[in-house]
């Protein structure tokens, strides 16, 4: 009886193993049937021209690449205010050209004279037509800061960024005579 019982136990275990194997195979087939087929696209290589840093580069890249993909492959980076035309997210097509524009901002400071004004003040103590310098004029000084923008080394704009007066001008003042000369009158004749 013990042999019979042992035989039944082996058959039962074998049955469980076969059943588990059938379930695993069924699930594998089911999973394979449900997944979408993997289609590997065949990308055709296209030639792109890159103009950067005074150089011209010809690069072969898979169709569907973006401008940024090509710049990365060519080891060209955008720094600061640099820009690229067309934009980095543009998908490239055969024969397209990429322009990497290096942008540099430079601050320049210049000093400029502020001319003094000349003021003429009438004075009744001076005879008419006479002038007397009361105060000598002196030019002032201002500092102008310009922001220059260069693209690929060429200036594209120059704008005033700030101005500051360093020294105020001093007006030049002249006294101008307005006194009428009075001629002595002779007494009336009687």
Foldseek 3Di string as FASTA:
>chain_A
DVVVVVVVVVVVVVVVVVVVVVVVVVVVVVVVVPDDDDDDDDFDWAWEWEQPLNDIDIDTDTQFAFQLVVCVVVVHDADDPKAKPPHRGHGDDHPYYMYTKHKDKDKDKDKDKAFAAEEEAEDAVDAAPDKDWPDDKDIWMKMWIWIFMDISRHTDDIGTPDMGTPGHIDHTYMYGYDHYDDDDDDDDDD
